[in-house]
Protein backbone atom coordinates (compact mmCIF):
# COMPACT_ATOMS: atom_id res chain seq x y z
CA UNK A 1 -166.45 193.95 -130.01
CA UNK A 2 -165.18 190.47 -130.84
CA UNK A 3 -161.42 190.36 -131.07
CA UNK A 4 -159.63 188.42 -133.81
CA UNK A 5 -157.13 185.91 -132.42
CA UNK A 6 -153.82 186.24 -134.28
CA UNK A 7 -150.55 184.31 -134.29
CA UNK A 8 -147.26 185.55 -135.80
CA UNK A 9 -144.69 183.06 -137.09
CA UNK A 10 -141.14 184.30 -137.69
CA UNK A 11 -139.61 186.56 -135.04
CA UNK A 12 -136.34 187.49 -136.70
CA UNK A 13 -135.93 190.79 -138.55
CA UNK A 14 -139.49 191.84 -139.47
CA UNK A 15 -141.66 189.68 -137.22
CA UNK A 16 -141.17 191.77 -134.05
CA UNK A 17 -142.59 194.81 -135.87
CA UNK A 18 -145.70 192.80 -136.75
CA UNK A 19 -145.99 191.59 -133.16
CA UNK A 20 -145.75 195.17 -131.86
CA UNK A 21 -148.38 196.52 -134.26
CA UNK A 22 -150.94 193.74 -133.94
CA UNK A 23 -150.61 193.87 -130.16
CA UNK A 24 -151.46 197.60 -130.24
CA UNK A 25 -154.74 197.18 -132.17
CA UNK A 26 -157.91 196.87 -130.04
CA UNK A 27 -159.57 194.53 -132.56
CA UNK A 28 -156.70 192.04 -132.18
CA UNK A 29 -155.96 189.46 -129.51
CA UNK A 30 -152.36 188.48 -130.21
CA UNK A 31 -152.33 184.94 -128.83
CA UNK A 32 -149.00 183.54 -129.93
CA UNK A 33 -145.64 184.21 -131.55
CA UNK A 34 -143.75 181.31 -133.08
CA UNK A 35 -140.07 180.89 -133.93
CA UNK A 36 -137.48 178.12 -133.92
CA UNK A 37 -135.09 180.26 -131.88
CA UNK A 38 -135.68 180.00 -128.15
CA UNK A 39 -133.48 183.06 -127.69
CA UNK A 40 -135.71 185.21 -129.92
CA UNK A 41 -138.84 184.00 -128.15
CA UNK A 42 -137.30 184.73 -124.77
CA UNK A 43 -136.45 188.28 -125.86
CA UNK A 44 -139.95 188.98 -127.20
CA UNK A 45 -141.63 187.32 -124.19
CA UNK A 46 -139.78 189.77 -121.95
CA UNK A 47 -141.32 192.63 -123.97
CA UNK A 48 -144.79 191.08 -124.32
CA UNK A 49 -145.24 188.64 -121.41
CA UNK A 50 -148.95 188.14 -122.12
CA UNK A 51 -148.22 186.68 -125.59
CA UNK A 52 -147.31 182.99 -125.53
CA UNK A 53 -144.13 181.85 -127.27
CA UNK A 54 -144.12 178.62 -129.28
CA UNK A 55 -141.52 176.73 -131.30
CA UNK A 56 -143.93 174.23 -132.89
CA UNK A 57 -145.81 175.73 -135.86
CA UNK A 58 -148.31 172.85 -136.00
CA UNK A 59 -149.25 173.49 -132.39
CA UNK A 60 -149.81 177.18 -133.16
CA UNK A 61 -152.16 176.24 -136.00
CA UNK A 62 -154.15 173.64 -134.11
CA UNK A 63 -153.67 174.16 -130.40
CA UNK A 64 -154.71 177.68 -129.41
CA UNK A 65 -157.83 178.48 -131.46
CA UNK A 66 -156.42 181.37 -133.48
CA UNK A 67 -158.36 182.94 -136.36
CA UNK A 68 -155.47 184.31 -138.43
CA UNK A 69 -151.80 183.63 -139.08
CA UNK A 70 -149.14 186.18 -140.04
CA UNK A 71 -146.09 184.70 -141.79
CA UNK A 72 -142.77 186.57 -141.59
CA UNK A 73 -140.28 183.76 -142.23
CA UNK A 74 -137.75 183.29 -145.03
CA UNK A 75 -139.24 183.18 -148.54
CA UNK A 76 -138.57 179.47 -149.00
CA UNK A 77 -140.98 178.70 -146.14
CA UNK A 78 -143.81 181.02 -147.20
CA UNK A 79 -145.59 178.50 -149.42
CA UNK A 80 -145.57 175.51 -147.07
CA UNK A 81 -146.55 177.55 -144.01
CA UNK A 82 -149.25 179.53 -145.83
CA UNK A 83 -150.72 176.37 -147.35
CA UNK A 84 -150.87 174.71 -143.92
CA UNK A 85 -152.47 177.83 -142.47
CA UNK A 86 -155.15 178.08 -145.17
CA UNK A 87 -155.97 174.36 -145.03
CA UNK A 88 -156.35 174.74 -141.26
CA UNK A 89 -159.00 177.41 -141.92
CA UNK A 90 -156.93 180.44 -140.90
CA UNK A 91 -156.97 183.83 -142.59
CA UNK A 92 -153.39 184.44 -143.72
CA UNK A 93 -151.09 187.44 -144.15
CA UNK A 94 -147.77 186.68 -145.89
CA UNK A 95 -144.81 189.03 -145.99
CA UNK A 96 -143.41 189.89 -149.43
CA UNK A 97 -142.61 188.21 -151.70
CA UNK A 98 -145.64 185.93 -151.48
CA UNK A 99 -143.78 182.70 -152.36
CA UNK A 100 -140.78 181.36 -154.27
CA UNK A 101 -142.69 180.76 -157.55
CA UNK A 102 -145.84 181.85 -159.35
CA UNK A 103 -147.03 178.23 -159.32
CA UNK A 104 -146.96 178.25 -155.52
CA UNK A 105 -148.73 181.63 -155.42
CA UNK A 106 -151.48 180.44 -157.76
CA UNK A 107 -152.14 177.41 -155.59
CA UNK A 108 -152.39 179.54 -152.44
CA UNK A 109 -154.85 181.88 -154.18
CA UNK A 110 -156.95 178.90 -155.25
CA UNK A 111 -156.99 177.36 -151.75
CA UNK A 112 -157.97 180.68 -150.13
CA UNK A 113 -160.88 181.10 -152.54
CA UNK A 114 -162.12 177.55 -151.99
CA UNK A 115 -161.85 177.97 -148.21
CA UNK A 116 -163.47 181.42 -148.23
CA UNK A 117 -160.50 182.95 -146.39
CA UNK A 118 -158.69 186.28 -146.53
CA UNK A 119 -155.27 185.97 -148.16
CA UNK A 120 -153.25 189.17 -147.98
CA UNK A 121 -149.67 190.04 -148.93
CA UNK A 122 -147.47 192.47 -147.01
CA UNK A 123 -146.82 195.11 -149.67
CA UNK A 124 -146.43 197.61 -146.86
CA UNK A 125 -145.62 200.73 -148.87
CA UNK A 126 -149.08 200.77 -150.47
CA UNK A 127 -150.41 201.64 -147.01
CA UNK A 128 -148.04 204.59 -146.49
CA UNK A 129 -149.47 208.13 -146.49
CA UNK A 130 -146.92 209.13 -149.15
CA UNK A 131 -147.89 206.48 -151.70
CA UNK A 132 -151.59 207.04 -151.04
CA UNK A 133 -151.10 210.76 -151.68
CA UNK A 134 -149.15 210.10 -154.90
CA UNK A 135 -151.93 207.81 -156.10
CA UNK A 136 -154.49 210.50 -155.33
CA UNK A 137 -152.49 213.11 -157.28
CA UNK A 138 -152.12 210.82 -160.31
CA UNK A 139 -155.80 209.85 -160.29
CA UNK A 140 -156.75 213.54 -160.31
CA UNK A 141 -154.72 213.98 -163.48
CA UNK A 142 -152.38 216.56 -161.93
CA UNK A 143 -149.29 214.93 -163.47
CA UNK A 144 -150.85 214.42 -166.88
CA UNK A 145 -149.90 211.22 -168.69
CA UNK A 146 -147.29 209.16 -166.83
CA UNK A 147 -144.22 208.74 -169.03
CA UNK A 148 -141.81 206.80 -166.87
CA UNK A 149 -140.90 205.93 -163.27
CA UNK A 150 -137.39 205.55 -161.89
CA UNK A 151 -136.82 203.89 -158.48
CA UNK A 152 -133.67 203.46 -156.41
CA UNK A 153 -133.56 201.28 -153.28
CA UNK A 154 -129.98 201.03 -152.01
CA UNK A 155 -128.14 200.29 -148.76
CA UNK A 156 -125.29 198.27 -147.29
CA UNK A 157 -126.90 194.86 -146.67
CA UNK A 158 -128.82 193.07 -145.41
CA UNK A 159 -127.37 190.20 -147.43
CA UNK A 160 -129.59 187.17 -148.04
CA UNK A 161 -128.51 183.64 -148.96
CA UNK A 162 -131.67 182.21 -150.53
CA UNK A 163 -132.81 185.16 -152.68
CA UNK A 164 -131.01 187.89 -154.62
CA UNK A 165 -131.37 191.63 -154.13
CA UNK A 166 -134.11 191.90 -156.78
CA UNK A 167 -136.32 189.45 -154.87
CA UNK A 168 -135.47 191.17 -151.58
CA UNK A 169 -135.77 194.90 -152.33
CA UNK A 170 -137.49 195.32 -155.71
CA UNK A 171 -140.93 194.02 -154.52
CA UNK A 172 -141.41 197.29 -152.66
CA UNK A 173 -140.89 199.36 -155.81
CA UNK A 174 -142.70 196.94 -158.13
CA UNK A 175 -145.78 196.96 -155.91
CA UNK A 176 -145.83 200.77 -155.88
CA UNK A 177 -145.36 201.01 -159.66
CA UNK A 178 -148.13 198.49 -160.40
CA UNK A 179 -150.42 200.32 -157.98
CA UNK A 180 -149.78 203.71 -159.57
CA UNK A 181 -150.01 202.58 -163.20
CA UNK A 182 -152.81 200.02 -162.64
CA UNK A 183 -151.24 197.84 -165.32
CA UNK A 184 -148.97 194.83 -165.64
CA UNK A 185 -145.77 195.17 -167.71
CA UNK A 186 -145.59 193.18 -170.93
CA UNK A 187 -141.80 192.77 -170.79
CA UNK A 188 -139.04 192.59 -168.16
CA UNK A 189 -135.27 193.10 -168.55
CA UNK A 190 -132.84 192.60 -165.70
CA UNK A 191 -129.06 192.71 -165.39
CA UNK A 192 -127.01 192.26 -162.25
CA UNK A 193 -123.82 191.14 -160.58
CA UNK A 194 -122.92 188.92 -157.63
CA UNK A 195 -119.91 190.54 -155.97
CA UNK A 196 -120.03 188.97 -152.49
CA UNK A 197 -121.91 185.64 -152.61
CA UNK A 198 -121.43 183.60 -155.80
CA UNK A 199 -124.70 183.12 -157.64
CA UNK A 200 -126.63 185.64 -155.52
CA UNK A 201 -126.85 189.03 -157.23
CA UNK A 202 -126.31 191.93 -154.83
CA UNK A 203 -126.79 194.67 -157.45
CA UNK A 204 -129.52 194.61 -160.11
CA UNK A 205 -131.06 196.97 -162.63
CA UNK A 206 -134.55 196.00 -163.77
CA UNK A 207 -136.58 197.55 -166.58
CA UNK A 208 -140.34 197.11 -166.94
CA UNK A 209 -142.05 197.93 -170.24
CA UNK A 210 -145.70 198.96 -170.30
CA UNK A 211 -148.14 199.84 -173.05
CA UNK A 212 -148.49 203.44 -174.26
CA UNK A 213 -144.67 203.65 -174.34
CA UNK A 214 -144.45 203.83 -170.53
CA UNK A 215 -141.57 202.29 -168.64
CA UNK A 216 -140.09 201.85 -165.17
CA UNK A 217 -136.48 201.39 -164.07
CA UNK A 218 -135.63 199.82 -160.69
CA UNK A 219 -132.11 199.91 -159.27
CA UNK A 220 -131.60 197.64 -156.23
CA UNK A 221 -128.38 197.20 -154.26
CA UNK A 222 -127.00 195.70 -151.06
CA UNK A 223 -123.65 197.34 -151.84
CA UNK A 224 -124.10 201.06 -151.35
CA UNK A 225 -122.72 203.29 -148.56
CA UNK A 226 -125.98 205.23 -148.24
CA UNK A 227 -129.54 204.22 -147.54
CA UNK A 228 -131.55 205.43 -150.52
CA UNK A 229 -135.31 205.01 -150.95
CA UNK A 230 -136.22 207.27 -153.86
CA UNK A 231 -138.74 207.20 -156.69
CA UNK A 232 -139.25 209.73 -159.48
CA UNK A 233 -142.55 209.80 -161.37
CA UNK A 234 -142.45 211.81 -164.59
CA UNK A 235 -145.68 213.03 -166.13
CA UNK A 236 -146.48 215.16 -169.16
CA UNK A 237 -147.54 218.09 -166.92
CA UNK A 238 -145.67 217.69 -163.63
CA UNK A 239 -143.18 215.42 -161.87
CA UNK A 240 -142.94 213.93 -158.38
CA UNK A 241 -139.89 212.94 -156.36
CA UNK A 242 -140.70 210.61 -153.46
CA UNK A 243 -137.92 210.25 -150.88
CA UNK A 244 -138.96 207.83 -148.16
CA UNK A 245 -135.78 208.46 -146.15
CA UNK A 246 -136.51 212.20 -145.80
CA UNK A 247 -137.77 213.19 -142.37
CA UNK A 248 -139.87 215.98 -143.87
CA UNK A 249 -141.23 216.66 -147.34
CA UNK A 250 -141.18 213.03 -148.45
CA UNK A 251 -143.08 214.11 -151.56
CA UNK A 252 -142.04 217.07 -153.70
CA UNK A 253 -144.09 218.04 -156.74
CA UNK A 254 -142.25 219.86 -159.53
CA UNK A 255 -144.20 222.01 -161.95
CA UNK A 256 -141.72 221.17 -164.68
CA UNK A 257 -142.12 219.80 -168.19
CA UNK A 258 -140.86 219.98 -171.75
CA UNK A 259 -143.12 220.68 -174.72
CA UNK A 260 -142.56 220.01 -178.37
CA UNK A 261 -143.76 222.77 -180.74
CA UNK A 262 -147.08 221.77 -182.34
CA UNK A 263 -145.95 222.77 -185.83
CA UNK A 264 -143.08 224.50 -187.59
CA UNK A 265 -142.12 225.32 -191.17
CA UNK A 266 -138.34 225.40 -190.93
CA UNK A 267 -135.71 223.85 -188.69
CA UNK A 268 -134.87 227.30 -187.35
CA UNK A 269 -138.41 227.58 -185.98
CA UNK A 270 -138.13 224.28 -184.10
CA UNK A 271 -137.55 224.90 -180.37
CA UNK A 272 -138.43 222.75 -177.37
CA UNK A 273 -140.24 224.68 -174.69
CA UNK A 274 -138.98 224.05 -171.15
CA UNK A 275 -141.31 224.99 -168.31
CA UNK A 276 -139.97 225.56 -164.79
CA UNK A 277 -142.64 226.41 -162.24
CA UNK A 278 -142.99 226.11 -158.49
CA UNK A 279 -142.00 223.15 -156.33
CA UNK A 280 -144.19 222.29 -153.37
CA UNK A 281 -144.61 219.54 -150.78
CA UNK A 282 -148.13 218.39 -149.86
CA UNK A 283 -149.10 217.69 -146.26
CA UNK A 284 -148.87 214.04 -145.22
CA UNK A 285 -150.56 212.60 -142.18
CA UNK A 286 -148.07 210.87 -139.88
CA UNK A 287 -149.07 207.20 -139.75
CA UNK A 288 -147.01 204.02 -139.56
CA UNK A 289 -147.70 202.10 -142.79
CA UNK A 290 -147.32 198.72 -141.10
CA UNK A 291 -149.94 199.57 -138.51
CA UNK A 292 -152.34 200.61 -141.27
CA UNK A 293 -151.60 197.34 -143.08
CA UNK A 294 -152.30 195.27 -139.96
CA UNK A 295 -155.55 197.16 -139.34
CA UNK A 296 -156.60 196.58 -142.96
CA UNK A 297 -156.02 192.83 -142.54
CA UNK A 298 -158.28 192.76 -139.47
CA UNK A 299 -160.95 194.88 -141.22
CA UNK A 300 -160.99 192.53 -144.21
CA UNK A 301 -161.51 189.55 -141.89
CA UNK A 302 -164.25 191.27 -139.88
CA UNK A 303 -166.19 192.63 -142.87
CA UNK A 304 -165.41 190.06 -145.57
CA UNK A 305 -163.60 192.59 -147.76
CA UNK A 306 -160.96 191.93 -150.41
CA UNK A 307 -157.55 193.30 -149.33
CA UNK A 308 -155.88 196.03 -151.34
CA UNK A 309 -152.86 193.71 -151.53
CA UNK A 310 -154.62 190.40 -152.06
CA UNK A 311 -153.22 187.09 -153.25
CA UNK A 312 -153.68 187.96 -156.92
CA UNK A 313 -151.49 191.05 -156.43
CA UNK A 314 -148.83 188.90 -154.82
CA UNK A 315 -149.00 186.46 -157.73
CA UNK A 316 -148.62 189.25 -160.29
CA UNK A 317 -145.53 190.55 -158.50
CA UNK A 318 -143.87 187.13 -158.25
CA UNK A 319 -144.40 186.58 -161.99
CA UNK A 320 -142.37 189.75 -162.59
CA UNK A 321 -139.64 188.54 -160.22
CA UNK A 322 -139.52 185.21 -162.05
CA UNK A 323 -139.16 187.06 -165.33
CA UNK A 324 -136.33 189.13 -163.85
CA UNK A 325 -134.52 185.93 -162.81
CA UNK A 326 -134.97 184.49 -166.30
CA UNK A 327 -133.63 187.70 -167.84
CA UNK A 328 -130.59 187.62 -165.53
CA UNK A 329 -129.78 184.11 -166.78
CA UNK A 330 -130.08 185.38 -170.35
CA UNK A 331 -127.69 188.27 -169.76
CA UNK A 332 -130.43 190.89 -169.61
CA UNK A 333 -132.46 189.81 -172.64
CA UNK A 334 -136.16 190.75 -172.51
CA UNK A 335 -138.61 188.25 -171.06
CA UNK A 336 -142.20 188.80 -172.14
CA UNK A 337 -145.10 188.26 -169.77
CA UNK A 338 -148.10 186.53 -171.32
CA UNK A 339 -151.57 187.70 -170.19
CA UNK A 340 -152.38 186.04 -166.88
CA UNK A 341 -155.28 183.54 -166.93
CA UNK A 342 -157.68 183.27 -163.98
CA UNK A 343 -155.97 181.61 -160.98
CA UNK A 344 -156.36 177.83 -160.81
CA UNK A 345 -154.83 174.93 -158.94
CA UNK A 346 -151.36 174.37 -160.39
CA UNK A 347 -148.84 171.63 -159.49
CA UNK A 348 -145.96 173.08 -157.50
CA UNK A 349 -143.19 170.65 -158.45
CA UNK A 350 -141.50 173.22 -160.68
CA UNK A 351 -141.75 176.54 -162.44
CA UNK A 352 -144.13 176.88 -165.40
CA UNK A 353 -142.40 176.29 -168.73
CA UNK A 354 -142.10 179.41 -170.93
CA UNK A 355 -143.59 179.36 -174.39
CA UNK A 356 -140.94 179.06 -177.09
CA UNK A 357 -140.81 180.68 -180.49
CA UNK A 358 -140.01 177.49 -182.36
CA UNK A 359 -140.14 173.73 -181.93
CA UNK A 360 -136.44 173.44 -181.13
CA UNK A 361 -136.95 175.26 -177.84
CA UNK A 362 -140.14 173.57 -176.65
CA UNK A 363 -138.40 171.04 -174.43
CA UNK A 364 -135.89 173.40 -172.84
CA UNK A 365 -136.59 175.59 -169.84
CA UNK A 366 -134.92 178.68 -171.24
CA UNK A 367 -133.34 179.23 -174.67
CA UNK A 368 -129.57 178.81 -174.50
CA UNK A 369 -128.01 182.15 -175.46
CA UNK A 370 -124.76 180.36 -176.29
CA UNK A 371 -126.40 178.41 -179.12
CA UNK A 372 -128.75 181.10 -180.39
CA UNK A 373 -127.42 183.58 -182.93
CA UNK A 374 -130.25 186.01 -182.23
CA UNK A 375 -131.09 187.70 -178.91
CA UNK A 376 -133.22 185.34 -176.83
CA UNK A 377 -136.88 186.13 -176.46
CA UNK A 378 -138.79 184.31 -173.75
CA UNK A 379 -142.46 184.41 -172.89
CA UNK A 380 -143.54 183.53 -169.34
């Protein structure tokens, strides 16, 4: 069996987990780990002495004959490092979010296609047994029609300086929601506050609107005393509560619903019917999601498959994050997402300009709520 030679760049918070998992896979030959910090490299080299440490990213790309690069750096470096990796002919896995703008994401997707390379994004929760089981239950129709999803991802820290809490924590929940509903939202609202670092929101509430009157609410916070990782999926027949922090019974299915009477002649005959049935927890196989993700990356390289979390998925998610940032600047006004055209090479010297409703707004990046008597409506 031919092993795939892999290098990991970024050995701070998340990188060591990637190093550990890739090193454990028989199909992988982890050749190098790269970081600017000599102290971090020294620590990891003590744990994995057979893996070479390197501070020069260019040398990692061109000097050791690796086949694939895994990028776990800060978001602002994702685009430049991924572009260099793809142009060097390396299959590339990028941690979430894919890049700092949809324009950058679109260019990376285009380069990967032209180079015939695997481009995968680290939406790790889609590889968890819990989310895979929820998807299976929904696809079977056990929940009926999905009505709404409510997600909470809260903890104390870890504070970031270059991105707000929505860009840091919400990608996990957005990726799960898009995966379960198999649909992009047509509108995004987001409100938040920056309590600790000026200009960097540490608490946000995001609302995604979908067709068929479906919606999702995502509450993200770096300012909460408890670690909360919870999602509620409400269907017309049953409901699911997914608690990723729970040691056991991460998924609980509630046979609960409310039914409107099909017909009635008088108001006195009108009564909602509330159904309370059993609650049960399905069996979940114990697997580390990150290890499954790393294995999937290697399988896609070996067999020429398209990843579950490919570059297009990363682009879709970043478009939603951009819309959330625009909505924050507008005080929570809705930002509409235009249908996404096929990916193409796009200049990366700035964000795409939103379409305006009238000629007065065509030359401005966002409508100015201070000068507009009506609620702002932006289309990305």
